[in-house]
Amino acid sequence: MGLIEALATLGQYLPAVTKPKEKPSLTAKLLFSGLGVIIYLLMASVPLYGITSSSFNNFLLEQVVFASTAGTLAQLGIGPIITAGLIMQILVGSKLIDMDLNDTDDRSKFTTSQKGLAFVFILLESFLFGYVLTIHSGDLNLMFIVAGQLILSTFVILLLDEMIQKGWGLGSGVSLFILAGVAKIMFWDMFGIAAVQSQNLPVGFFPSLVSSLASGAGLANLIVDVTKPFQPDLVGFLSTIVLIILLVYLTAININIPVTSQRLRGIRRTIPLNFLYVSSIPVIFVSVLASDIGLFASMASYVSSSASSFLTQVENLFIFPPPTDTTIPHSVYAVVVDPVGAAIYVVIFVVLSLLFGVLWVNVAGLDARTQAENLIESGVEIPGIRSNPRALEGLLAKYIKPLTFYSSLIVGVIGSVATLLGVYGTGVGLLLAVTIAIQYYSLLAYERSIEMYPLLKRIIGEE
């Protein structure tokens, strides 16, 4: 039995959520989606039994990418799910495993093996974190207690994601949990009434503004914070608004390629290629890499102080200001304090975003060759171009290669520079939140149209 078969078998034996017998209404989907988010937020608020706040560190980057909250039942968040999904996509896209995701059986096998791999990561990461969080106590039983809590809670998150993806809710649980996590951080940055040091959550901007006006104190530190490491300021607030508008505008830009169908002669339509062709995938890869280096640094601290110090220094190159330096404020003033560190951070982030963007397009089947083959198989033709793979590939490459490069560059610059400006929820978090919110807006519009005009179901083949 091969590895994929073993993972698929494991996935089949795990508890699962069944698909609804009849398609739920939009209202029901919204209720189930809301229920899933509420359960996730509750788990992100319930502390793990047996550990203290001093047992862990929590960086905003990890909260954003993994939708995790350190020291709670959502300690692992969606990390195992994301990791398993990326690995499976890379294996299939690079042809290391032979699967045709257009085939029903292969697609089912892919889903169950991905679930099995996610559960393997849940086990590994749960025991790893259980060891790291309890090593100071020397209590082996406590380690198993913490690991058991993490296994159970993270598997519940996996089932919530499965419930939403199988049609009970809208979209995917992973996207909803990321959006909810970023929204929680942004809300606290604006309206938080108390500092939460264990989660790096500050007093919000507006409560600070009211306090300063009521006391007659100056507003200088509220325009650009130069004192507290995590205090939101006015520059960050304005940068957040401008960045949201910019991302909405960039996401709305499409490059339309005119096509015709062999089945429907005379009818012309277009295939839109989004200007942000790679979406937010490159910054996710960079953030996951930084988080993994931080995890290895924590593990190495119990084995070799020199190795841990080296890994921590490498991690600090991915995060600005460095999480180990609480003297540098998380605002544009940090660039004045450490311009060299800011420049290194932006260069590394952008270069890695470019590399991961190109890699993702090639392994995920978004490259020109794969897209050309898909068009020919679906009977779609481009006017004036011979219907053969090489001719179509040459034409599509003129669009896809520049889009891959520039979209990877843009999301890398936005993700890094926005963080330097002190945007609420970090640059990566805001980039993820806006792209997910736009996807859900389109999904809601689609679902609403289907409910209002039932005839569309027959036209698009949903009946």
Protein backbone atom coordinates (compact mmCIF):
# COMPACT_ATOMS: atom_id res chain seq x y z
CA MET A 1 0.00 0.00 0.00
CA GLY A 2 1.40 3.39 -1.02
CA LEU A 3 1.51 6.50 1.12
CA ILE A 4 -1.51 8.12 -0.55
CA GLU A 5 -3.54 4.92 -0.20
CA ALA A 6 -2.62 4.72 3.49
CA LEU A 7 -3.61 8.34 4.07
CA ALA A 8 -6.87 7.83 2.16
CA THR A 9 -7.64 4.77 4.29
CA LEU A 10 -6.95 6.76 7.46
CA GLY A 11 -9.19 9.54 6.21
CA GLN A 12 -12.03 7.10 5.54
CA TYR A 13 -11.91 5.73 9.10
CA LEU A 14 -11.97 9.16 10.72
CA PRO A 15 -15.32 10.67 11.79
CA ALA A 16 -16.79 12.68 8.94
CA VAL A 17 -19.60 15.08 8.14
CA THR A 18 -22.08 13.82 5.55
CA LYS A 19 -23.31 15.95 2.69
CA PRO A 20 -26.86 17.36 2.98
CA LYS A 21 -29.44 15.29 1.12
CA GLU A 22 -30.99 18.45 -0.26
CA LYS A 23 -29.21 21.72 -0.92
CA PRO A 24 -29.80 24.02 2.08
CA SER A 25 -31.22 27.48 1.54
CA LEU A 26 -28.98 30.52 1.66
CA THR A 27 -30.34 31.38 5.10
CA ALA A 28 -29.50 27.89 6.39
CA LYS A 29 -26.00 28.10 4.93
CA LEU A 30 -25.44 31.44 6.64
CA LEU A 31 -26.65 29.99 9.94
CA PHE A 32 -24.34 26.97 9.71
CA SER A 33 -21.42 29.19 8.69
CA GLY A 34 -22.12 31.53 11.59
CA LEU A 35 -22.36 28.57 13.98
CA GLY A 36 -18.99 27.30 12.81
CA VAL A 37 -17.37 30.71 13.35
CA ILE A 38 -18.94 31.04 16.83
CA ILE A 39 -17.62 27.61 17.89
CA TYR A 40 -14.17 28.51 16.56
CA LEU A 41 -14.14 31.86 18.41
CA LEU A 42 -15.25 30.15 21.62
CA MET A 43 -12.37 27.66 21.35
CA ALA A 44 -10.02 30.59 20.69
CA SER A 45 -11.14 32.03 24.04
CA VAL A 46 -10.97 28.90 26.22
CA PRO A 47 -7.48 28.46 27.78
CA LEU A 48 -5.73 25.11 27.72
CA TYR A 49 -5.85 23.31 31.04
CA GLY A 50 -2.51 22.91 32.76
CA ILE A 51 -0.41 25.72 31.25
CA THR A 52 0.23 29.36 32.11
CA SER A 53 0.59 32.41 29.89
CA SER A 54 4.35 32.38 30.47
CA SER A 55 4.59 28.96 28.82
CA PHE A 56 4.08 30.26 25.29
CA ASN A 57 4.74 33.11 22.89
CA ASN A 58 2.18 34.36 20.43
CA PHE A 59 3.07 36.47 17.40
CA LEU A 60 0.51 38.30 15.29
CA LEU A 61 1.81 36.57 12.16
CA GLU A 62 0.87 33.15 13.54
CA GLN A 63 -2.54 34.41 14.69
CA VAL A 64 -3.25 35.68 11.19
CA VAL A 65 -2.03 32.83 8.98
CA PHE A 66 -3.04 29.88 11.17
CA ALA A 67 -6.11 31.53 12.74
CA SER A 68 -4.62 30.46 16.06
CA THR A 69 -4.62 31.89 19.56
CA ALA A 70 -1.77 30.73 21.76
CA GLY A 71 -2.61 29.09 25.05
CA THR A 72 -6.18 28.27 24.02
CA LEU A 73 -7.96 25.31 22.43
CA ALA A 74 -7.23 27.01 19.10
CA GLN A 75 -3.46 26.84 19.72
CA LEU A 76 -2.93 25.01 16.40
CA GLY A 77 -5.81 26.72 14.61
CA ILE A 78 -6.01 25.70 10.97
CA GLY A 79 -2.26 25.10 10.68
CA PRO A 80 -2.49 21.32 10.09
CA ILE A 81 -5.30 21.79 7.55
CA ILE A 82 -3.38 24.42 5.56
CA THR A 83 -0.13 22.44 5.66
CA ALA A 84 -1.81 19.23 4.47
CA GLY A 85 -3.69 21.06 1.72
CA LEU A 86 -0.58 22.81 0.38
CA ILE A 87 1.44 19.58 0.39
CA MET A 88 -1.27 17.63 -1.44
CA GLN A 89 -1.73 20.40 -4.02
CA ILE A 90 2.02 20.50 -4.67
CA LEU A 91 2.23 16.70 -5.00
CA VAL A 92 -0.64 16.59 -7.49
CA GLY A 93 0.40 19.69 -9.41
CA SER A 94 4.01 18.54 -9.78
CA LYS A 95 2.81 15.08 -10.93
CA LEU A 96 4.63 13.38 -8.04
CA ILE A 97 1.36 11.54 -7.48
CA ASP A 98 -0.84 10.58 -10.42
CA MET A 99 -4.32 11.99 -9.82
CA ASP A 100 -6.86 13.56 -12.12
CA LEU A 101 -8.93 15.92 -9.98
CA ASN A 102 -11.56 16.08 -12.74
CA ASP A 103 -12.23 12.37 -12.14
CA THR A 104 -14.78 11.71 -9.39
CA ASP A 105 -12.91 8.76 -7.85
CA ASP A 106 -9.54 10.53 -7.86
CA ARG A 107 -11.08 13.67 -6.41
CA SER A 108 -12.67 11.64 -3.60
CA LYS A 109 -9.35 9.89 -2.96
CA PHE A 110 -7.57 13.25 -2.90
CA THR A 111 -10.02 14.64 -0.33
CA THR A 112 -9.81 11.65 2.01
CA SER A 113 -6.01 11.45 1.79
CA GLN A 114 -5.76 15.18 2.50
CA LYS A 115 -7.93 14.67 5.58
CA GLY A 116 -5.73 11.76 6.69
CA LEU A 117 -2.58 13.88 6.24
CA ALA A 118 -4.16 16.74 8.19
CA PHE A 119 -4.88 14.34 11.07
CA VAL A 120 -1.26 13.15 11.02
CA PHE A 121 -0.12 16.77 11.35
CA ILE A 122 -2.64 17.29 14.15
CA LEU A 123 -1.09 14.40 16.09
CA LEU A 124 2.49 15.51 15.46
CA GLU A 125 1.91 19.18 16.25
CA SER A 126 -0.25 18.43 19.31
CA PHE A 127 2.42 16.28 20.95
CA LEU A 128 5.12 18.73 19.87
CA PHE A 129 3.32 21.69 21.43
CA GLY A 130 2.38 19.58 24.42
CA TYR A 131 6.08 18.89 24.95
CA VAL A 132 7.16 22.51 24.42
CA LEU A 133 4.42 23.96 26.66
CA THR A 134 4.95 21.55 29.57
CA ILE A 135 8.68 20.82 29.50
CA HIS A 136 9.25 23.37 32.27
CA SER A 137 7.06 21.32 34.63
CA GLY A 138 8.71 17.97 33.98
CA ASP A 139 5.27 16.34 34.21
CA LEU A 140 4.82 13.69 31.51
CA ASN A 141 1.12 13.26 32.34
CA LEU A 142 0.56 16.99 31.83
CA MET A 143 2.11 16.73 28.38
CA PHE A 144 -0.40 14.05 27.37
CA ILE A 145 -3.26 16.09 28.87
CA VAL A 146 -2.31 19.17 26.85
CA ALA A 147 -1.72 17.11 23.69
CA GLY A 148 -5.10 15.42 24.14
CA GLN A 149 -6.86 18.78 24.38
CA LEU A 150 -5.12 20.00 21.22
CA ILE A 151 -5.92 16.83 19.25
CA LEU A 152 -9.61 16.97 20.15
CA SER A 153 -10.08 20.72 19.61
CA THR A 154 -8.11 20.87 16.34
CA PHE A 155 -10.02 17.88 14.97
CA VAL A 156 -13.25 19.72 15.81
CA ILE A 157 -11.94 22.65 13.72
CA LEU A 158 -11.22 20.15 10.92
CA LEU A 159 -14.81 18.86 11.11
CA LEU A 160 -16.19 22.41 11.11
CA ASP A 161 -14.23 23.12 7.93
CA GLU A 162 -15.52 19.86 6.42
CA MET A 163 -19.11 20.74 7.37
CA ILE A 164 -18.93 24.10 5.63
CA GLN A 165 -17.15 22.74 2.54
CA LYS A 166 -19.61 19.88 2.05
CA GLY A 167 -22.46 22.29 1.46
CA TRP A 168 -23.88 23.00 4.90
CA GLY A 169 -22.22 26.42 4.87
CA LEU A 170 -20.69 28.86 2.42
CA GLY A 171 -17.17 28.55 1.04
CA SER A 172 -14.66 26.93 3.36
CA GLY A 173 -14.12 26.96 7.09
CA VAL A 174 -10.43 27.76 6.64
CA SER A 175 -11.26 31.04 4.89
CA LEU A 176 -13.96 31.92 7.43
CA PHE A 177 -11.68 31.28 10.40
CA ILE A 178 -8.86 33.37 8.91
CA LEU A 179 -11.34 36.18 8.23
CA ALA A 180 -12.78 35.92 11.75
CA GLY A 181 -9.30 35.91 13.31
CA VAL A 182 -8.13 38.98 11.39
CA ALA A 183 -11.43 40.77 12.07
CA LYS A 184 -11.00 40.09 15.80
CA ILE A 185 -7.48 41.60 15.78
CA MET A 186 -8.60 44.62 13.74
CA PHE A 187 -11.60 45.19 16.00
CA TRP A 188 -9.37 45.13 19.07
CA ASP A 189 -6.87 47.48 17.40
CA MET A 190 -9.72 49.95 16.95
CA PHE A 191 -11.94 49.46 20.00
CA GLY A 192 -10.05 47.34 22.57
CA ILE A 193 -10.57 48.76 26.05
CA ALA A 194 -7.73 46.87 27.78
CA ALA A 195 -4.30 45.51 26.86
CA VAL A 196 -3.97 41.70 26.61
CA GLN A 197 -0.23 41.09 26.86
CA SER A 198 -0.40 37.32 26.30
CA GLN A 199 -1.92 37.88 22.86
CA ASN A 200 -0.16 41.14 21.99
CA LEU A 201 -3.51 42.93 21.87
CA PRO A 202 -3.30 46.65 22.76
CA VAL A 203 -5.67 49.30 23.96
CA GLY A 204 -7.62 50.27 20.85
CA PHE A 205 -7.05 53.48 18.89
CA PHE A 206 -10.46 55.03 19.56
CA PRO A 207 -10.48 54.40 23.35
CA SER A 208 -6.96 55.89 23.44
CA LEU A 209 -8.19 58.88 21.44
CA VAL A 210 -11.11 59.46 23.81
CA SER A 211 -8.83 59.10 26.83
CA SER A 212 -6.32 61.59 25.44
CA LEU A 213 -9.02 64.14 24.59
CA ALA A 214 -10.68 63.76 28.00
CA SER A 215 -7.41 64.18 29.91
CA GLY A 216 -6.13 67.06 27.79
CA ALA A 217 -2.97 65.13 26.88
CA GLY A 218 -1.27 65.66 23.54
CA LEU A 219 -2.22 63.66 20.45
CA ALA A 220 1.32 63.29 19.10
CA ASN A 221 1.67 59.63 20.07
CA LEU A 222 -1.74 58.86 18.55
CA ILE A 223 -0.65 60.18 15.15
CA VAL A 224 2.54 58.09 15.06
CA ASP A 225 3.21 55.87 18.05
CA VAL A 226 6.80 56.12 19.30
CA THR A 227 6.52 54.44 22.68
CA LYS A 228 4.43 51.29 23.04
CA PRO A 229 5.33 48.20 20.96
CA PHE A 230 1.79 47.33 19.85
CA GLN A 231 -0.21 50.55 20.16
CA PRO A 232 -2.29 51.37 17.02
CA ASP A 233 -1.99 54.95 15.74
CA LEU A 234 -3.65 57.30 13.27
CA VAL A 235 -1.18 56.57 10.46
CA GLY A 236 -1.96 52.87 10.82
CA PHE A 237 -5.71 53.56 10.78
CA LEU A 238 -5.54 55.68 7.62
CA SER A 239 -3.17 53.18 5.98
CA THR A 240 -5.68 50.42 6.72
CA ILE A 241 -8.49 52.29 4.97
CA VAL A 242 -6.33 53.18 1.94
CA LEU A 243 -5.04 49.60 1.63
CA ILE A 244 -8.56 48.13 1.72
CA ILE A 245 -9.62 50.45 -1.11
CA LEU A 246 -6.47 49.60 -3.10
CA LEU A 247 -6.96 45.84 -2.70
CA VAL A 248 -10.61 46.03 -3.73
CA TYR A 249 -9.59 47.98 -6.84
CA LEU A 250 -6.76 45.58 -7.78
CA THR A 251 -8.98 42.54 -7.25
CA ALA A 252 -11.61 43.99 -9.59
CA ILE A 253 -9.13 44.24 -12.49
CA ASN A 254 -9.39 41.36 -14.96
CA ILE A 255 -7.55 40.54 -18.17
CA ASN A 256 -10.21 39.13 -20.52
CA ILE A 257 -9.26 36.62 -23.22
CA PRO A 258 -11.93 36.19 -25.96
CA VAL A 259 -12.91 32.56 -26.63
CA THR A 260 -15.49 30.54 -28.53
CA SER A 261 -16.92 27.09 -27.90
CA GLN A 262 -16.97 24.17 -30.35
CA ARG A 263 -20.33 23.14 -28.93
CA LEU A 264 -21.93 26.59 -29.13
CA ARG A 265 -20.78 28.00 -32.44
CA GLY A 266 -21.25 31.71 -32.92
CA ILE A 267 -21.41 32.46 -29.19
CA ARG A 268 -18.42 34.41 -27.94
CA ARG A 269 -17.43 34.91 -24.35
CA THR A 270 -14.30 35.75 -22.39
CA ILE A 271 -12.10 34.00 -19.86
CA PRO A 272 -11.10 36.48 -17.14
CA LEU A 273 -7.62 36.30 -15.63
CA ASN A 274 -7.51 38.25 -12.39
CA PHE A 275 -4.77 40.87 -12.14
CA LEU A 276 -3.83 39.43 -8.74
CA TYR A 277 -3.35 36.05 -10.43
CA VAL A 278 -1.60 34.37 -7.49
CA SER A 279 -4.05 35.82 -4.98
CA SER A 280 -2.55 35.80 -1.47
CA ILE A 281 -0.81 32.42 -1.79
CA PRO A 282 2.80 33.78 -1.84
CA VAL A 283 2.43 35.68 1.44
CA ILE A 284 0.87 32.60 3.03
CA PHE A 285 3.92 30.55 2.04
CA VAL A 286 6.30 33.19 3.41
CA SER A 287 4.36 33.47 6.65
CA VAL A 288 4.19 29.70 7.11
CA LEU A 289 7.95 29.49 6.54
CA ALA A 290 8.57 32.17 9.18
CA SER A 291 6.24 30.43 11.66
CA ASP A 292 7.93 27.06 11.10
CA ILE A 293 11.36 28.58 11.70
CA GLY A 294 10.04 30.07 14.95
CA LEU A 295 8.68 26.68 16.00
CA PHE A 296 12.02 25.00 15.31
CA ALA A 297 13.75 27.76 17.28
CA SER A 298 11.50 27.03 20.28
CA MET A 299 12.27 23.32 20.02
CA ALA A 300 16.00 23.92 19.65
CA SER A 301 16.09 26.06 22.80
CA TYR A 302 15.73 22.86 24.86
CA VAL A 303 18.58 21.16 23.01
CA SER A 304 21.13 23.75 21.91
CA SER A 305 21.11 27.44 22.83
CA SER A 306 23.38 28.32 19.89
CA ALA A 307 21.10 26.60 17.37
CA SER A 308 18.06 28.26 18.91
CA SER A 309 19.76 31.66 18.77
CA PHE A 310 20.64 31.17 15.11
CA LEU A 311 17.10 30.14 14.15
CA THR A 312 15.67 33.06 16.11
CA GLN A 313 17.89 35.45 14.19
CA VAL A 314 16.71 33.91 10.92
CA GLU A 315 13.08 34.22 12.04
CA ASN A 316 13.60 37.89 12.90
CA LEU A 317 14.46 38.55 9.24
CA PHE A 318 10.89 37.56 8.30
CA ILE A 319 9.13 39.62 10.96
CA PHE A 320 9.46 43.36 11.51
CA PRO A 321 9.80 44.64 14.11
CA PRO A 322 11.49 41.47 15.43
CA PRO A 323 9.23 39.70 17.95
CA THR A 324 12.14 39.47 20.39
CA ASP A 325 12.58 43.27 20.44
CA THR A 326 9.69 44.89 22.31
CA THR A 327 11.36 48.32 22.34
CA ILE A 328 10.54 49.04 18.69
CA PRO A 329 6.96 50.27 18.15
CA HIS A 330 4.78 48.55 15.56
CA SER A 331 4.31 51.71 13.51
CA VAL A 332 5.96 53.64 10.70
CA TYR A 333 8.31 55.08 13.34
CA ALA A 334 9.98 51.65 13.47
CA VAL A 335 11.47 52.41 10.05
CA VAL A 336 13.17 55.46 11.55
CA VAL A 337 14.45 53.44 14.50
CA ASP A 338 15.78 50.54 12.40
CA PRO A 339 15.87 51.43 8.66
CA VAL A 340 18.32 48.65 7.80
CA GLY A 341 16.16 46.00 9.46
CA ALA A 342 13.07 47.36 7.67
CA ALA A 343 14.83 47.26 4.28
CA ILE A 344 16.08 43.70 4.85
CA TYR A 345 12.59 42.61 5.88
CA VAL A 346 10.96 44.08 2.75
CA VAL A 347 13.59 42.66 0.37
CA ILE A 348 13.40 39.15 1.86
CA PHE A 349 9.59 39.19 1.93
CA VAL A 350 9.28 40.41 -1.68
CA VAL A 351 11.94 38.04 -3.09
CA LEU A 352 10.39 35.03 -1.36
CA SER A 353 6.92 36.10 -2.51
CA LEU A 354 8.18 36.13 -6.11
CA LEU A 355 9.76 32.68 -5.74
CA PHE A 356 6.72 31.14 -4.07
CA GLY A 357 4.34 32.79 -6.55
CA VAL A 358 6.15 31.31 -9.55
CA LEU A 359 6.42 27.94 -7.78
CA TRP A 360 2.72 27.87 -6.92
CA VAL A 361 1.57 28.72 -10.45
CA ASN A 362 3.65 25.86 -11.86
CA VAL A 363 2.74 23.17 -9.33
CA ALA A 364 -0.93 24.12 -8.92
CA GLY A 365 -1.74 23.78 -12.62
CA LEU A 366 -2.12 27.52 -13.23
CA ASP A 367 0.72 27.70 -15.75
CA ALA A 368 0.17 28.39 -19.46
CA ARG A 369 0.70 24.79 -20.60
CA THR A 370 -1.83 23.28 -18.19
CA GLN A 371 -4.38 25.99 -18.90
CA ALA A 372 -3.99 25.44 -22.66
CA GLU A 373 -4.58 21.69 -22.24
CA ASN A 374 -7.67 22.38 -20.12
CA LEU A 375 -9.10 24.70 -22.76
CA ILE A 376 -8.64 22.14 -25.53
CA GLU A 377 -10.20 19.35 -23.43
CA SER A 378 -13.24 21.54 -22.71
CA GLY A 379 -13.69 22.36 -26.40
CA VAL A 380 -12.87 26.05 -26.05
CA GLU A 381 -11.06 27.91 -28.83
CA ILE A 382 -9.41 31.31 -29.06
CA PRO A 383 -10.32 33.12 -32.31
CA GLY A 384 -7.38 33.35 -34.69
CA ILE A 385 -5.35 30.69 -32.85
CA ARG A 386 -4.98 27.09 -34.03
CA SER A 387 -6.53 24.60 -31.63
CA ASN A 388 -3.35 22.88 -30.53
CA PRO A 389 -1.55 23.00 -27.16
CA ARG A 390 1.60 24.80 -28.29
CA ALA A 391 -0.19 27.64 -30.06
CA LEU A 392 -2.55 28.19 -27.12
CA GLU A 393 0.29 27.88 -24.63
CA GLY A 394 2.28 30.56 -26.46
CA LEU A 395 -0.64 32.97 -26.38
CA LEU A 396 -1.59 32.30 -22.75
CA ALA A 397 2.04 32.60 -21.66
CA LYS A 398 2.02 36.23 -22.83
CA TYR A 399 -0.66 36.89 -20.21
CA ILE A 400 0.08 34.40 -17.42
CA LYS A 401 3.83 34.93 -17.03
CA PRO A 402 3.64 38.72 -16.57
CA LEU A 403 0.58 38.32 -14.32
CA THR A 404 2.42 35.78 -12.17
CA PHE A 405 5.45 38.03 -11.77
CA TYR A 406 3.64 41.31 -11.15
CA SER A 407 0.92 39.88 -8.91
CA SER A 408 3.53 38.10 -6.77
CA LEU A 409 5.54 41.32 -6.60
CA ILE A 410 2.50 43.41 -5.68
CA VAL A 411 1.22 41.15 -2.90
CA GLY A 412 4.76 40.87 -1.53
CA VAL A 413 5.18 44.65 -1.47
CA ILE A 414 1.71 45.20 0.00
CA GLY A 415 2.16 42.53 2.67
CA SER A 416 5.52 43.89 3.83
CA VAL A 417 5.16 47.67 3.40
CA ALA A 418 1.68 47.68 4.96
CA THR A 419 3.13 46.10 8.08
CA LEU A 420 5.77 48.85 8.24
CA LEU A 421 2.96 51.41 8.15
CA GLY A 422 1.35 49.75 11.16
CA VAL A 423 -1.91 48.72 9.48
CA TYR A 424 -4.39 47.06 11.79
CA GLY A 425 -4.17 43.27 11.67
CA THR A 426 -0.74 43.36 9.92
CA GLY A 427 -0.22 43.69 6.17
CA VAL A 428 -0.51 39.94 5.58
CA GLY A 429 -3.66 39.75 7.67
CA LEU A 430 -5.38 42.60 5.87
CA LEU A 431 -4.40 41.16 2.48
CA LEU A 432 -5.91 37.79 3.41
CA ALA A 433 -9.03 39.32 4.95
CA VAL A 434 -9.84 41.55 1.98
CA THR A 435 -9.33 38.82 -0.64
CA ILE A 436 -11.45 36.38 1.37
CA ALA A 437 -14.18 38.99 1.94
CA ILE A 438 -14.34 39.72 -1.81
CA GLN A 439 -14.62 36.00 -2.57
CA TYR A 440 -17.50 35.71 -0.11
CA TYR A 441 -19.22 38.74 -1.62
CA SER A 442 -19.15 37.05 -5.03
CA LEU A 443 -20.31 33.76 -3.50
CA LEU A 444 -23.22 35.44 -1.72
CA ALA A 445 -24.25 37.22 -4.93
CA TYR A 446 -24.17 33.89 -6.79
CA GLU A 447 -26.22 32.06 -4.15
CA ARG A 448 -28.73 34.89 -3.99
CA SER A 449 -29.16 34.87 -7.78
CA ILE A 450 -29.75 31.10 -7.78
CA GLU A 451 -32.49 31.47 -5.15
CA MET A 452 -34.17 34.37 -6.94
CA TYR A 453 -34.07 32.75 -10.40
CA PRO A 454 -34.48 28.95 -10.08
CA LEU A 455 -34.24 28.56 -13.88
CA LEU A 456 -30.52 29.36 -13.57
CA LYS A 457 -30.04 26.03 -11.81
CA ARG A 458 -30.95 24.17 -14.98
CA ILE A 459 -28.83 26.41 -17.17
CA ILE A 460 -25.69 25.90 -15.08
CA GLY A 461 -26.42 22.21 -14.48
CA GLU A 462 -27.19 22.22 -10.75
CA GLU A 463 -30.38 20.22 -11.27
